[in-house]
Amino acid sequence: MSERTAARGAVIVADTSGPADIYGVHGTAGLTHWKALASGLDLAAGWEAVEWASVPPGGVSGEHRHTRTEEIYFVLRGSGEIVLDGAASPIHEGSMVLTGVGTVHGLRNTGGTDLDWLVIEIRSPHTAHTLRTAAGEDTASPARPVSKETLVNARLHDLRAEQTVDPAGVFTGPLREAALRSLEPGSTLELRADGAEHTVFVTAGSGWAQSDSATVELSAGTSVTLPLGTEVRLGAGKSEALEFFHAELAVPTAAPEHAR
């Protein structure tokens, strides 16, 4: 295992400590705390980035449009509202927003504590194909058709209530599912990046992650990302459950050479 700056092909472990302070995100004047947890440069499945962000009470992440990526917002703490093409909806801990290509979206903290959220940005099939073609890689795109055209290509979920969400109908790219999972005290789970890559973000509890080279402790705010060809055993501590957000992305049929 290794830190965020790891060589390609290594399991990537990161946490939310030491974030950058950024002013004026997406055209606003306020403060955002931000940290990159994993980069698509180290992965094969069409990830753009895995990130953590936070705004204080009254803070705003300005409205903006993505033209080449699909995006997940998963609320970790606090409350506020998400604006999708001008329509505001309340969000809270456990809310998850799927935002497809072309939808204008922004976020505002209307609560009394910091609003923290996880960001997973995924290249659209068109973008991924363009990048692979430019790199001379002949790979199939794991695209899926959008089953229904809507005026707002986005969807709001309560992931804590639903536990698992299928992105079909909003996302067209490689995301297979997003889930909120829990391991009971003393139990374990094997994750293998075989045909798919994984990212895990611990939301509550404590435990450990073990690869063939190292074991690291897990606590709230720790992420573990598995590039193609790696595997990890997750375990909950003896006295408390381990809860975590989990996203899985399919890898193109002929993965880029660096990720093998």
C-alpha atoms as a PDB file:
ATOM      1  CA  MET A   1       0.000   0.000   0.000  1.00  0.00           C
ATOM      2  CA  SER A   2       1.042   3.586  -0.417  1.00  0.00           C
ATOM      3  CA  GLU A   3       0.016   7.178   0.034  1.00  0.00           C
ATOM      4  CA  ARG A   4      -1.793   9.332  -2.536  1.00  0.00           C
ATOM      5  CA  THR A   5       1.499   9.976  -4.353  1.00  0.00           C
ATOM      6  CA  ALA A   6       1.978   6.243  -4.933  1.00  0.00           C
ATOM      7  CA  ALA A   7       3.422   4.620  -7.997  1.00  0.00           C
ATOM      8  CA  ARG A   8       0.818   3.310 -10.421  1.00  0.00           C
ATOM      9  CA  GLY A   9      -0.546  -0.133  -9.652  1.00  0.00           C
ATOM     10  CA  ALA A  10      -0.291   0.240  -5.854  1.00  0.00           C
ATOM     11  CA  VAL A  11      -3.262   0.384  -3.488  1.00  0.00           C
ATOM     12  CA  ILE A  12      -3.853   4.069  -2.711  1.00  0.00           C
ATOM     13  CA  VAL A  13      -4.541   5.060   0.905  1.00  0.00           C
ATOM     14  CA  ALA A  14      -5.422   8.653   1.805  1.00  0.00           C
ATOM     15  CA  ASP A  15      -7.324  10.648   4.409  1.00  0.00           C
ATOM     16  CA  THR A  16      -8.883  14.076   4.859  1.00  0.00           C
ATOM     17  CA  SER A  17      -6.150  15.561   7.032  1.00  0.00           C
ATOM     18  CA  GLY A  18      -4.306  18.644   5.800  1.00  0.00           C
ATOM     19  CA  PRO A  19      -6.736  19.853   3.131  1.00  0.00           C
ATOM     20  CA  ALA A  20      -6.066  22.868   0.944  1.00  0.00           C
ATOM     21  CA  ASP A  21      -7.970  26.110   1.582  1.00  0.00           C
ATOM     22  CA  ILE A  22      -9.442  27.357  -1.687  1.00  0.00           C
ATOM     23  CA  TYR A  23     -11.317  30.635  -2.200  1.00  0.00           C
ATOM     24  CA  GLY A  24     -13.789  31.281  -4.985  1.00  0.00           C
ATOM     25  CA  VAL A  25     -14.593  27.709  -6.071  1.00  0.00           C
ATOM     26  CA  HIS A  26     -16.774  27.755  -9.214  1.00  0.00           C
ATOM     27  CA  GLY A  27     -17.105  31.536  -9.123  1.00  0.00           C
ATOM     28  CA  THR A  28     -18.049  32.044  -5.472  1.00  0.00           C
ATOM     29  CA  ALA A  29     -16.235  34.271  -2.977  1.00  0.00           C
ATOM     30  CA  GLY A  30     -16.179  31.953   0.055  1.00  0.00           C
ATOM     31  CA  LEU A  31     -13.832  29.319   1.464  1.00  0.00           C
ATOM     32  CA  THR A  32     -13.761  25.628   0.530  1.00  0.00           C
ATOM     33  CA  HIS A  33     -11.564  23.000   2.178  1.00  0.00           C
ATOM     34  CA  TRP A  34     -10.514  20.429  -0.442  1.00  0.00           C
ATOM     35  CA  LYS A  35      -8.305  17.374  -0.788  1.00  0.00           C
ATOM     36  CA  ALA A  36      -7.647  14.899  -3.604  1.00  0.00           C
ATOM     37  CA  LEU A  37      -7.811  11.281  -2.424  1.00  0.00           C
ATOM     38  CA  ALA A  38      -7.091   9.512  -5.734  1.00  0.00           C
ATOM     39  CA  SER A  39      -6.402  10.521  -9.331  1.00  0.00           C
ATOM     40  CA  GLY A  40      -7.462   8.995 -12.609  1.00  0.00           C
ATOM     41  CA  LEU A  41      -3.798   9.131 -13.643  1.00  0.00           C
ATOM     42  CA  ASP A  42      -3.221   6.123 -11.354  1.00  0.00           C
ATOM     43  CA  LEU A  43      -6.315   4.192 -12.464  1.00  0.00           C
ATOM     44  CA  ALA A  44      -7.712   2.458 -15.559  1.00  0.00           C
ATOM     45  CA  ALA A  45     -11.497   2.594 -15.216  1.00  0.00           C
ATOM     46  CA  GLY A  46     -12.277   6.125 -16.369  1.00  0.00           C
ATOM     47  CA  TRP A  47     -11.989   7.870 -13.015  1.00  0.00           C
ATOM     48  CA  GLU A  48     -11.207  11.576 -13.170  1.00  0.00           C
ATOM     49  CA  ALA A  49     -10.709  11.982  -9.416  1.00  0.00           C
ATOM     50  CA  VAL A  50     -11.842  11.016  -5.907  1.00  0.00           C
ATOM     51  CA  GLU A  51     -11.977  14.087  -3.667  1.00  0.00           C
ATOM     52  CA  TRP A  52     -13.164  15.380  -0.293  1.00  0.00           C
ATOM     53  CA  ALA A  53     -14.619  18.870   0.112  1.00  0.00           C
ATOM     54  CA  SER A  54     -16.103  20.971   2.899  1.00  0.00           C
ATOM     55  CA  VAL A  55     -17.702  24.414   3.239  1.00  0.00           C
ATOM     56  CA  PRO A  56     -18.513  26.249   6.501  1.00  0.00           C
ATOM     57  CA  PRO A  57     -22.021  27.408   7.465  1.00  0.00           C
ATOM     58  CA  GLY A  58     -23.293  29.763   4.779  1.00  0.00           C
ATOM     59  CA  GLY A  59     -20.639  28.518   2.350  1.00  0.00           C
ATOM     60  CA  VAL A  60     -21.336  27.792  -1.303  1.00  0.00           C
ATOM     61  CA  SER A  61     -19.856  25.592  -4.003  1.00  0.00           C
ATOM     62  CA  GLY A  62     -20.926  27.617  -7.040  1.00  0.00           C
ATOM     63  CA  GLU A  63     -23.222  26.405  -9.794  1.00  0.00           C
ATOM     64  CA  HIS A  64     -21.330  24.960 -12.746  1.00  0.00           C
ATOM     65  CA  ARG A  65     -21.719  22.550 -15.649  1.00  0.00           C
ATOM     66  CA  HIS A  66     -19.600  19.508 -16.519  1.00  0.00           C
ATOM     67  CA  THR A  67     -19.281  18.828 -20.235  1.00  0.00           C
ATOM     68  CA  ARG A  68     -17.031  15.769 -20.113  1.00  0.00           C
ATOM     69  CA  THR A  69     -17.568  14.059 -16.745  1.00  0.00           C
ATOM     70  CA  GLU A  70     -20.303  12.532 -14.602  1.00  0.00           C
ATOM     71  CA  GLU A  71     -20.188  13.234 -10.869  1.00  0.00           C
ATOM     72  CA  ILE A  72     -21.260  11.833  -7.506  1.00  0.00           C
ATOM     73  CA  TYR A  73     -21.730  14.018  -4.440  1.00  0.00           C
ATOM     74  CA  PHE A  74     -22.146  12.001  -1.226  1.00  0.00           C
ATOM     75  CA  VAL A  75     -22.857  14.067   1.909  1.00  0.00           C
ATOM     76  CA  LEU A  76     -20.759  12.970   4.878  1.00  0.00           C
ATOM     77  CA  ARG A  77     -21.756  15.597   7.453  1.00  0.00           C
ATOM     78  CA  GLY A  78     -24.045  18.581   7.795  1.00  0.00           C
ATOM     79  CA  SER A  79     -27.054  19.809   5.850  1.00  0.00           C
ATOM     80  CA  GLY A  80     -27.771  22.166   2.998  1.00  0.00           C
ATOM     81  CA  GLU A  81     -29.276  22.239  -0.455  1.00  0.00           C
ATOM     82  CA  ILE A  82     -28.281  21.027  -3.887  1.00  0.00           C
ATOM     83  CA  VAL A  83     -29.244  23.132  -6.890  1.00  0.00           C
ATOM     84  CA  LEU A  84     -29.837  21.235 -10.134  1.00  0.00           C
ATOM     85  CA  ASP A  85     -30.570  23.375 -13.191  1.00  0.00           C
ATOM     86  CA  GLY A  86     -31.953  26.105 -10.930  1.00  0.00           C
ATOM     87  CA  ALA A  87     -34.132  23.881  -8.695  1.00  0.00           C
ATOM     88  CA  ALA A  88     -33.025  23.527  -5.053  1.00  0.00           C
ATOM     89  CA  SER A  89     -33.540  20.372  -2.961  1.00  0.00           C
ATOM     90  CA  PRO A  90     -32.559  19.767   0.676  1.00  0.00           C
ATOM     91  CA  ILE A  91     -29.622  17.448   1.402  1.00  0.00           C
ATOM     92  CA  HIS A  92     -28.284  15.955   4.613  1.00  0.00           C
ATOM     93  CA  GLU A  93     -25.844  13.335   5.885  1.00  0.00           C
ATOM     94  CA  GLY A  94     -26.383  10.271   3.677  1.00  0.00           C
ATOM     95  CA  SER A  95     -27.737  12.182   0.654  1.00  0.00           C
ATOM     96  CA  MET A  96     -26.173  11.238  -2.669  1.00  0.00           C
ATOM     97  CA  VAL A  97     -26.514  13.197  -5.915  1.00  0.00           C
ATOM     98  CA  LEU A  98     -25.825  11.679  -9.329  1.00  0.00           C
ATOM     99  CA  THR A  99     -25.130  14.442 -11.846  1.00  0.00           C
ATOM    100  CA  GLY A 100     -24.886  13.542 -15.505  1.00  0.00           C
ATOM    101  CA  VAL A 101     -23.116  15.430 -18.276  1.00  0.00           C
ATOM    102  CA  GLY A 102     -24.650  18.840 -18.973  1.00  0.00           C
ATOM    103  CA  THR A 103     -26.586  19.474 -15.758  1.00  0.00           C
ATOM    104  CA  VAL A 104     -25.814  22.743 -13.956  1.00  0.00           C
ATOM    105  CA  HIS A 105     -25.267  21.971 -10.276  1.00  0.00           C
ATOM    106  CA  GLY A 106     -24.167  23.729  -7.111  1.00  0.00           C
ATOM    107  CA  LEU A 107     -24.277  23.239  -3.351  1.00  0.00           C
ATOM    108  CA  ARG A 108     -24.990  25.516  -0.377  1.00  0.00           C
ATOM    109  CA  ASN A 109     -24.492  24.953   3.355  1.00  0.00           C
ATOM    110  CA  THR A 110     -27.689  26.050   5.126  1.00  0.00           C
ATOM    111  CA  GLY A 111     -26.882  24.301   8.425  1.00  0.00           C
ATOM    112  CA  GLY A 112     -25.004  25.260  11.562  1.00  0.00           C
ATOM    113  CA  THR A 113     -21.971  22.985  11.068  1.00  0.00           C
ATOM    114  CA  ASP A 114     -19.521  22.347   8.265  1.00  0.00           C
ATOM    115  CA  LEU A 115     -20.962  20.577   5.229  1.00  0.00           C
ATOM    116  CA  ASP A 116     -18.595  17.805   4.134  1.00  0.00           C
ATOM    117  CA  TRP A 117     -19.022  15.688   1.026  1.00  0.00           C
ATOM    118  CA  LEU A 118     -17.224  13.093  -1.058  1.00  0.00           C
ATOM    119  CA  VAL A 119     -16.793  13.791  -4.781  1.00  0.00           C
ATOM    120  CA  ILE A 120     -16.286  11.078  -7.386  1.00  0.00           C
ATOM    121  CA  GLU A 121     -15.804  12.414 -10.888  1.00  0.00           C
ATOM    122  CA  ILE A 122     -15.985   9.927 -13.769  1.00  0.00           C
ATOM    123  CA  ARG A 123     -15.180  10.487 -17.428  1.00  0.00           C
ATOM    124  CA  SER A 124     -18.100  10.128 -19.796  1.00  0.00           C
ATOM    125  CA  PRO A 125     -17.754   7.372 -22.427  1.00  0.00           C
ATOM    126  CA  HIS A 126     -17.169   9.975 -25.142  1.00  0.00           C
ATOM    127  CA  THR A 127     -14.413  11.656 -23.143  1.00  0.00           C
ATOM    128  CA  ALA A 128     -12.801   8.349 -22.191  1.00  0.00           C
ATOM    129  CA  HIS A 129     -12.877   7.159 -25.812  1.00  0.00           C
ATOM    130  CA  THR A 130     -11.335  10.415 -27.031  1.00  0.00           C
ATOM    131  CA  LEU A 131      -8.491  10.184 -24.505  1.00  0.00           C
ATOM    132  CA  ARG A 132      -7.821   6.529 -25.283  1.00  0.00           C
ATOM    133  CA  THR A 133      -7.847   7.191 -29.026  1.00  0.00           C
ATOM    134  CA  ALA A 134      -5.398  10.061 -28.612  1.00  0.00           C
ATOM    135  CA  ALA A 135      -3.139   7.726 -26.612  1.00  0.00           C
ATOM    136  CA  GLY A 136      -3.343   5.050 -29.311  1.00  0.00           C
ATOM    137  CA  GLU A 137      -5.219   2.594 -27.100  1.00  0.00           C
ATOM    138  CA  ASP A 138      -7.808   0.434 -28.863  1.00  0.00           C
ATOM    139  CA  THR A 139     -10.260  -0.171 -26.026  1.00  0.00           C
ATOM    140  CA  ALA A 140     -13.963  -0.782 -25.831  1.00  0.00           C
ATOM    141  CA  SER A 141     -16.055   1.746 -23.917  1.00  0.00           C
ATOM    142  CA  PRO A 142     -18.309   0.265 -21.206  1.00  0.00           C
ATOM    143  CA  ALA A 143     -21.044   2.768 -22.010  1.00  0.00           C
ATOM    144  CA  ARG A 144     -24.687   2.209 -21.224  1.00  0.00           C
ATOM    145  CA  PRO A 145     -27.578   4.029 -22.876  1.00  0.00           C
ATOM    146  CA  VAL A 146     -29.599   6.551 -20.914  1.00  0.00           C
ATOM    147  CA  SER A 147     -32.946   4.780 -20.619  1.00  0.00           C
ATOM    148  CA  LYS A 148     -35.009   7.966 -20.411  1.00  0.00           C
ATOM    149  CA  GLU A 149     -34.289  11.515 -21.449  1.00  0.00           C
ATOM    150  CA  THR A 150     -35.093  14.039 -18.728  1.00  0.00           C
ATOM    151  CA  LEU A 151     -34.893  17.806 -18.544  1.00  0.00           C
ATOM    152  CA  VAL A 152     -32.516  17.480 -15.595  1.00  0.00           C
ATOM    153  CA  ASN A 153     -29.994  14.694 -16.076  1.00  0.00           C
ATOM    154  CA  ALA A 154     -29.511  14.155 -12.341  1.00  0.00           C
ATOM    155  CA  ARG A 155     -30.998  12.199  -9.460  1.00  0.00           C
ATOM    156  CA  LEU A 156     -31.040  12.660  -5.680  1.00  0.00           C
ATOM    157  CA  HIS A 157     -30.917   9.594  -3.399  1.00  0.00           C
ATOM    158  CA  ASP A 158     -30.938   8.895   0.329  1.00  0.00           C
ATOM    159  CA  LEU A 159     -28.130   6.348   0.285  1.00  0.00           C
ATOM    160  CA  ARG A 160     -28.441   5.635   4.005  1.00  0.00           C
ATOM    161  CA  ALA A 161     -32.014   4.489   3.414  1.00  0.00           C
ATOM    162  CA  GLU A 162     -31.436   2.789   0.044  1.00  0.00           C
ATOM    163  CA  GLN A 163     -27.987   1.295   0.821  1.00  0.00           C
ATOM    164  CA  THR A 164     -27.234   0.524  -2.863  1.00  0.00           C
ATOM    165  CA  VAL A 165     -27.913   2.633  -5.965  1.00  0.00           C
ATOM    166  CA  ASP A 166     -27.785   1.619  -9.630  1.00  0.00           C
ATOM    167  CA  PRO A 167     -26.757   4.704 -11.681  1.00  0.00           C
ATOM    168  CA  ALA A 168     -28.493   3.543 -14.871  1.00  0.00           C
ATOM    169  CA  GLY A 169     -30.743   6.214 -16.336  1.00  0.00           C
ATOM    170  CA  VAL A 170     -28.444   9.072 -15.321  1.00  0.00           C
ATOM    171  CA  PHE A 171     -24.868   7.883 -15.817  1.00  0.00           C
ATOM    172  CA  THR A 172     -23.695   6.448 -19.120  1.00  0.00           C
ATOM    173  CA  GLY A 173     -20.143   5.591 -18.061  1.00  0.00           C
ATOM    174  CA  PRO A 174     -18.416   2.787 -16.133  1.00  0.00           C
ATOM    175  CA  LEU A 175     -19.943   3.219 -12.644  1.00  0.00           C
ATOM    176  CA  ARG A 176     -21.530  -0.137 -11.736  1.00  0.00           C
ATOM    177  CA  GLU A 177     -22.977   0.849  -8.376  1.00  0.00           C
ATOM    178  CA  ALA A 178     -22.562   3.082  -5.358  1.00  0.00           C
ATOM    179  CA  ALA A 179     -23.316   1.689  -1.917  1.00  0.00           C
ATOM    180  CA  LEU A 180     -23.146   2.368   1.804  1.00  0.00           C
ATOM    181  CA  ARG A 181     -21.899  -0.824   3.445  1.00  0.00           C
ATOM    182  CA  SER A 182     -21.195  -1.977   6.975  1.00  0.00           C
ATOM    183  CA  LEU A 183     -19.058  -4.732   8.458  1.00  0.00           C
ATOM    184  CA  GLU A 184     -20.087  -6.081  11.840  1.00  0.00           C
ATOM    185  CA  PRO A 185     -17.420  -6.140  14.585  1.00  0.00           C
ATOM    186  CA  GLY A 186     -14.773  -8.732  13.800  1.00  0.00           C
ATOM    187  CA  SER A 187     -16.001  -9.455  10.258  1.00  0.00           C
ATOM    188  CA  THR A 188     -14.061  -9.051   7.004  1.00  0.00           C
ATOM    189  CA  LEU A 189     -14.612  -8.408   3.294  1.00  0.00           C
ATOM    190  CA  GLU A 190     -12.356  -9.204   0.327  1.00  0.00           C
ATOM    191  CA  LEU A 191     -12.185  -6.643  -2.492  1.00  0.00           C
ATOM    192  CA  ARG A 192     -10.402  -7.547  -5.733  1.00  0.00           C
ATOM    193  CA  ALA A 193      -9.843  -5.217  -8.682  1.00  0.00           C
ATOM    194  CA  ASP A 194     -10.436  -7.805 -11.401  1.00  0.00           C
ATOM    195  CA  GLY A 195     -12.328  -6.264 -14.328  1.00  0.00           C
ATOM    196  CA  ALA A 196     -13.315  -3.364 -12.073  1.00  0.00           C
ATOM    197  CA  GLU A 197     -11.681  -0.870  -9.732  1.00  0.00           C
ATOM    198  CA  HIS A 198     -12.924   0.167  -6.297  1.00  0.00           C
ATOM    199  CA  THR A 199     -12.811   3.090  -3.938  1.00  0.00           C
ATOM    200  CA  VAL A 200     -13.838   2.904  -0.280  1.00  0.00           C
ATOM    201  CA  PHE A 201     -14.311   5.853   2.077  1.00  0.00           C
ATOM    202  CA  VAL A 202     -14.822   5.133   5.792  1.00  0.00           C
ATOM    203  CA  THR A 203     -17.772   7.046   7.251  1.00  0.00           C
ATOM    204  CA  ALA A 204     -17.886   5.589  10.778  1.00  0.00           C
ATOM    205  CA  GLY A 205     -16.203   3.067  13.044  1.00  0.00           C
ATOM    206  CA  SER A 206     -12.709   1.638  12.862  1.00  0.00           C
ATOM    207  CA  GLY A 207     -10.911  -1.316  11.384  1.00  0.00           C
ATOM    208  CA  TRP A 208      -8.070  -2.213   9.052  1.00  0.00           C
ATOM    209  CA  ALA A 209      -7.166  -2.875   5.430  1.00  0.00           C
ATOM    210  CA  GLN A 210      -4.625  -5.514   4.478  1.00  0.00           C
ATOM    211  CA  SER A 211      -2.872  -6.017   1.145  1.00  0.00           C
ATOM    212  CA  ASP A 212      -0.081  -8.426   0.286  1.00  0.00           C
ATOM    213  CA  SER A 213       2.471  -5.855   1.423  1.00  0.00           C
ATOM    214  CA  ALA A 214       1.036  -3.942   4.380  1.00  0.00           C
ATOM    215  CA  THR A 215      -1.784  -3.436   6.872  1.00  0.00           C
ATOM    216  CA  VAL A 216      -3.164   0.030   7.634  1.00  0.00           C
ATOM    217  CA  GLU A 217      -5.641   1.209  10.252  1.00  0.00           C
ATOM    218  CA  LEU A 218      -8.989   2.566   9.097  1.00  0.00           C
ATOM    219  CA  SER A 219     -11.087   5.277  10.713  1.00  0.00           C
ATOM    220  CA  ALA A 220     -13.631   7.861   9.584  1.00  0.00           C
ATOM    221  CA  GLY A 221     -12.150   9.990   6.814  1.00  0.00           C
ATOM    222  CA  THR A 222      -9.802   7.313   5.443  1.00  0.00           C
ATOM    223  CA  SER A 223     -10.065   6.184   1.822  1.00  0.00           C
ATOM    224  CA  VAL A 224      -8.701   3.095   0.075  1.00  0.00           C
ATOM    225  CA  THR A 225      -8.647   2.925  -3.738  1.00  0.00           C
ATOM    226  CA  LEU A 226      -7.840  -0.274  -5.632  1.00  0.00           C
ATOM    227  CA  PRO A 227      -6.259   0.021  -9.110  1.00  0.00           C
ATOM    228  CA  LEU A 228      -6.675  -2.846 -11.534  1.00  0.00           C
ATOM    229  CA  GLY A 229      -4.892  -6.028 -10.435  1.00  0.00           C
ATOM    230  CA  THR A 230      -4.791  -5.230  -6.699  1.00  0.00           C
ATOM    231  CA  GLU A 231      -6.732  -6.703  -3.810  1.00  0.00           C
ATOM    232  CA  VAL A 232      -7.441  -5.769  -0.210  1.00  0.00           C
ATOM    233  CA  ARG A 233      -9.028  -7.440   2.788  1.00  0.00           C
ATOM    234  CA  LEU A 234     -11.104  -5.044   4.890  1.00  0.00           C
ATOM    235  CA  GLY A 235     -11.829  -5.815   8.529  1.00  0.00           C
ATOM    236  CA  ALA A 236     -13.911  -4.220  11.272  1.00  0.00           C
ATOM    237  CA  GLY A 237     -12.511  -3.776  14.769  1.00  0.00           C
ATOM    238  CA  LYS A 238     -13.466  -6.180  17.526  1.00  0.00           C
ATOM    239  CA  SER A 239     -15.721  -3.737  19.363  1.00  0.00           C
ATOM    240  CA  GLU A 240     -17.434  -1.638  16.668  1.00  0.00           C
ATOM    241  CA  ALA A 241     -18.769  -1.887  13.142  1.00  0.00           C
ATOM    242  CA  LEU A 242     -16.984  -0.398  10.146  1.00  0.00           C
ATOM    243  CA  GLU A 243     -19.223   1.670   7.835  1.00  0.00           C
ATOM    244  CA  PHE A 244     -18.005   2.842   4.433  1.00  0.00           C
ATOM    245  CA  PHE A 245     -19.064   4.269   1.097  1.00  0.00           C
ATOM    246  CA  HIS A 246     -18.130   2.006  -1.819  1.00  0.00           C
ATOM    247  CA  ALA A 247     -18.036   2.763  -5.558  1.00  0.00           C
ATOM    248  CA  GLU A 248     -17.123   0.266  -8.272  1.00  0.00           C
ATOM    249  CA  LEU A 249     -16.155   1.177 -11.851  1.00  0.00           C
ATOM    250  CA  ALA A 250     -15.833  -1.265 -14.745  1.00  0.00           C
ATOM    251  CA  VAL A 251     -12.492  -1.312 -16.558  1.00  0.00           C
ATOM    252  CA  PRO A 252     -12.471  -1.197 -20.380  1.00  0.00           C
ATOM    253  CA  THR A 253     -11.917  -4.589 -21.982  1.00  0.00           C
ATOM    254  CA  ALA A 254      -8.356  -3.715 -22.946  1.00  0.00           C
ATOM    255  CA  ALA A 255      -7.008  -1.657 -20.072  1.00  0.00           C
ATOM    256  CA  PRO A 256      -4.247   0.925 -20.546  1.00  0.00           C
ATOM    257  CA  GLU A 257      -0.821  -0.656 -20.266  1.00  0.00           C
ATOM    258  CA  HIS A 258       0.207   1.371 -17.163  1.00  0.00           C
ATOM    259  CA  ALA A 259      -2.637  -0.085 -15.098  1.00  0.00           C
ATOM    260  CA  ARG A 260      -1.837  -3.757 -15.668  1.00  0.00           C
END
